């Protein structure tokens, strides 16, 4: 069992345990009350940037809030897909779920980076720390995925012995 788990899969599962509930709750609060949900602590920097720098009207602010909620739900959905794929041992051994984790890490990193830059711009120190921490978590797992060697798939014959036909075949051509 422990030989089937890669470090990036384990790290991705831990990230999913954080991002799925937290970002889903934030997104659902925005969906229920777009302006009120946008001006809560996790989104305050984006809300201030949208209202102060982009000068959007009420409808434009609601649309920006819904777009942020959709992006957060998309990240949570890709983390959920990743968890489903690594829960099946056959798929986990074959490296399944790496694409879903990569998409979740990429999109989540973009959202956190944008939120961090915006928090810096509007002067929200607590929001800046929150988004910087989330960005470091996401980038750390992305770096582990990049550094880890790819999954080695072994070719097996019907009686569960390693296939040596390729070795015999190449030896016959050399002779």
Protein backbone atom coordinates (compact mmCIF):
# COMPACT_ATOMS: atom_id res chain seq x y z
CA UNK A 1 0.00 0.00 0.00
CA UNK A 2 2.69 2.51 0.92
CA UNK A 3 4.58 1.80 -2.30
CA UNK A 4 1.65 3.03 -4.38
CA UNK A 5 1.54 6.52 -2.90
CA UNK A 6 3.72 9.22 -4.35
CA UNK A 7 4.70 12.32 -2.42
CA UNK A 8 2.81 14.58 -4.84
CA UNK A 9 -0.35 12.45 -4.46
CA UNK A 10 -0.16 12.63 -0.69
CA UNK A 11 0.52 16.37 -0.76
CA UNK A 12 -2.29 16.88 -3.26
CA UNK A 13 -4.69 14.95 -1.03
CA UNK A 14 -3.77 17.19 1.92
CA UNK A 15 -4.28 20.29 -0.21
CA UNK A 16 -7.64 18.95 -1.38
CA UNK A 17 -8.67 18.47 2.25
CA UNK A 18 -8.10 22.21 2.75
CA UNK A 19 -9.19 23.75 -0.54
CA UNK A 20 -12.38 21.78 -1.24
CA UNK A 21 -14.31 22.81 1.88
CA UNK A 22 -12.84 26.29 2.36
CA UNK A 23 -13.08 27.50 -1.23
CA UNK A 24 -16.50 25.87 -1.69
CA UNK A 25 -17.88 27.66 1.38
CA UNK A 26 -16.43 30.97 0.16
CA UNK A 27 -17.92 30.42 -3.31
CA UNK A 28 -21.35 29.47 -1.94
CA UNK A 29 -21.40 32.57 0.26
CA UNK A 30 -20.73 34.66 -2.84
CA UNK A 31 -23.49 32.85 -4.75
CA UNK A 32 -26.04 33.44 -1.98
CA UNK A 33 -25.23 37.13 -1.50
CA UNK A 34 -22.76 38.30 -4.17
CA UNK A 35 -21.81 41.70 -2.80
CA UNK A 36 -21.86 40.68 0.87
CA UNK A 37 -19.88 37.49 0.08
CA UNK A 38 -17.37 39.47 -1.94
CA UNK A 39 -16.69 41.83 0.95
CA UNK A 40 -15.92 39.03 3.45
CA UNK A 41 -12.34 38.54 4.68
CA UNK A 42 -11.07 36.03 2.05
CA UNK A 43 -12.26 38.22 -0.81
CA UNK A 44 -11.92 41.71 0.62
CA UNK A 45 -8.86 42.58 -1.44
CA UNK A 46 -10.56 41.64 -4.70
CA UNK A 47 -13.69 43.53 -3.63
CA UNK A 48 -11.75 46.69 -2.82
CA UNK A 49 -9.81 46.46 -6.06
CA UNK A 50 -12.98 45.98 -8.11
CA UNK A 51 -14.80 48.85 -6.43
CA UNK A 52 -11.90 51.32 -6.06
CA UNK A 53 -9.77 50.73 -9.14
CA UNK A 54 -12.12 49.28 -11.75
CA UNK A 55 -15.05 51.53 -10.75
CA UNK A 56 -17.63 48.88 -11.57
CA UNK A 57 -21.31 49.49 -10.93
CA UNK A 58 -23.39 47.15 -8.78
CA UNK A 59 -24.14 44.72 -11.59
CA UNK A 60 -20.49 44.68 -12.65
CA UNK A 61 -19.41 44.00 -9.06
CA UNK A 62 -21.90 41.11 -8.87
CA UNK A 63 -20.57 39.66 -12.10
CA UNK A 64 -16.99 39.91 -10.83
CA UNK A 65 -18.07 38.20 -7.61
CA UNK A 66 -19.77 35.37 -9.49
CA UNK A 67 -16.71 34.95 -11.71
CA UNK A 68 -14.52 34.64 -8.62
CA UNK A 69 -16.97 32.12 -7.12
CA UNK A 70 -16.97 30.11 -10.34
CA UNK A 71 -13.17 30.06 -10.42
CA UNK A 72 -12.97 28.90 -6.80
CA UNK A 73 -15.56 26.18 -7.40
CA UNK A 74 -13.64 25.03 -10.47
CA UNK A 75 -10.48 24.60 -8.39
CA UNK A 76 -12.44 22.72 -5.72
CA UNK A 77 -14.00 20.49 -8.41
CA UNK A 78 -10.60 19.58 -9.88
CA UNK A 79 -9.31 18.75 -6.40
CA UNK A 80 -12.39 16.54 -5.89
CA UNK A 81 -11.77 14.78 -9.22
CA UNK A 82 -8.17 14.23 -8.14
CA UNK A 83 -9.31 12.66 -4.86
CA UNK A 84 -11.70 10.35 -6.69
CA UNK A 85 -8.99 9.26 -9.13
CA UNK A 86 -6.39 8.51 -6.47
CA UNK A 87 -8.88 6.57 -4.37
CA UNK A 88 -8.90 3.82 -7.02
CA UNK A 89 -5.65 1.84 -6.51
CA UNK A 90 -5.33 0.81 -10.17
CA UNK A 91 -5.53 4.44 -11.32
CA UNK A 92 -3.23 5.65 -8.55
CA UNK A 93 -0.55 3.12 -9.55
CA UNK A 94 -0.77 4.27 -13.17
CA UNK A 95 -0.38 7.93 -12.18
CA UNK A 96 -4.02 8.82 -12.75
CA UNK A 97 -5.17 12.10 -11.33
CA UNK A 98 -1.98 14.01 -12.03
CA UNK A 99 -3.71 16.05 -14.73
CA UNK A 100 -6.57 17.01 -12.43
CA UNK A 101 -4.11 17.95 -9.70
CA UNK A 102 -2.05 19.97 -12.16
CA UNK A 103 -5.09 21.92 -13.35
CA UNK A 104 -6.22 22.56 -9.77
CA UNK A 105 -2.73 23.73 -8.80
CA UNK A 106 -2.37 25.95 -11.85
CA UNK A 107 -5.75 27.64 -11.61
CA UNK A 108 -5.57 27.90 -7.82
CA UNK A 109 -2.11 29.46 -8.07
CA UNK A 110 -3.38 32.04 -10.55
CA UNK A 111 -6.30 32.97 -8.30
CA UNK A 112 -4.12 33.17 -5.19
CA UNK A 113 -1.40 35.15 -6.98
CA UNK A 114 -3.91 37.62 -8.38
CA UNK A 115 -5.55 37.98 -4.96
CA UNK A 116 -2.15 38.45 -3.33
CA UNK A 117 -1.10 41.17 -5.78
CA UNK A 118 -4.45 42.90 -5.41
CA UNK A 119 -4.21 42.69 -1.58
CA UNK A 120 -0.80 44.30 -1.78
CA UNK A 121 -2.17 47.03 -4.02
CA UNK A 122 -5.11 47.91 -1.75
CA UNK A 123 -3.14 47.56 1.50
CA UNK A 124 -4.89 44.57 3.11
CA UNK A 125 -2.15 42.92 5.18
CA UNK A 126 -4.22 40.00 6.53
CA UNK A 127 -5.58 39.14 3.10
CA UNK A 128 -2.05 39.38 1.71
CA UNK A 129 -0.79 36.84 4.28
CA UNK A 130 -3.73 34.50 3.57
CA UNK A 131 -3.25 34.53 -0.20
CA UNK A 132 0.54 34.28 0.07
CA UNK A 133 0.18 31.22 2.31
CA UNK A 134 -2.25 29.58 -0.11
CA UNK A 135 0.05 30.37 -3.01
CA UNK A 136 3.05 28.82 -1.23
CA UNK A 137 1.06 25.67 -0.50
CA UNK A 138 0.00 25.33 -4.12
CA UNK A 139 3.44 26.11 -5.55
CA UNK A 140 5.13 23.71 -3.12
CA UNK A 141 3.02 20.82 -4.35
CA UNK A 142 3.55 21.89 -7.97
CA UNK A 143 7.32 21.83 -7.44
CA UNK A 144 7.11 18.38 -5.85
CA UNK A 145 5.15 17.19 -8.91
CA UNK A 146 7.79 18.60 -11.25
CA UNK A 147 10.76 17.16 -9.35
CA UNK A 148 9.28 13.68 -8.82
CA UNK A 149 10.23 11.15 -11.48
CA UNK A 150 7.39 9.88 -13.67
CA UNK A 151 5.56 6.67 -12.79
CA UNK A 152 7.39 3.56 -14.00
CA UNK A 153 5.00 1.17 -15.66
CA UNK A 154 6.20 -2.38 -15.81
CA UNK A 155 5.11 -4.67 -18.63
CA UNK A 156 3.89 -8.03 -17.28
CA UNK A 157 3.11 -11.28 -19.02
CA UNK A 158 0.11 -13.44 -18.19
CA UNK A 159 1.90 -15.40 -15.42
CA UNK A 160 2.99 -12.17 -13.62
CA UNK A 161 6.65 -12.46 -14.62
CA UNK A 162 8.53 -9.47 -16.00
CA UNK A 163 8.54 -9.49 -19.77
CA UNK A 164 11.98 -10.18 -21.24
CA UNK A 165 10.92 -10.50 -24.87
CA UNK A 166 12.33 -7.05 -25.65
CA UNK A 167 15.73 -8.04 -24.24
CA UNK A 168 15.80 -11.34 -26.14
CA UNK A 169 14.62 -9.62 -29.31
CA UNK A 170 17.38 -6.98 -29.14
CA UNK A 171 20.00 -9.66 -28.40
CA UNK A 172 18.91 -11.64 -31.49
CA UNK A 173 19.34 -8.58 -33.71
CA UNK A 174 22.83 -7.90 -32.40
CA UNK A 175 24.00 -11.44 -33.17
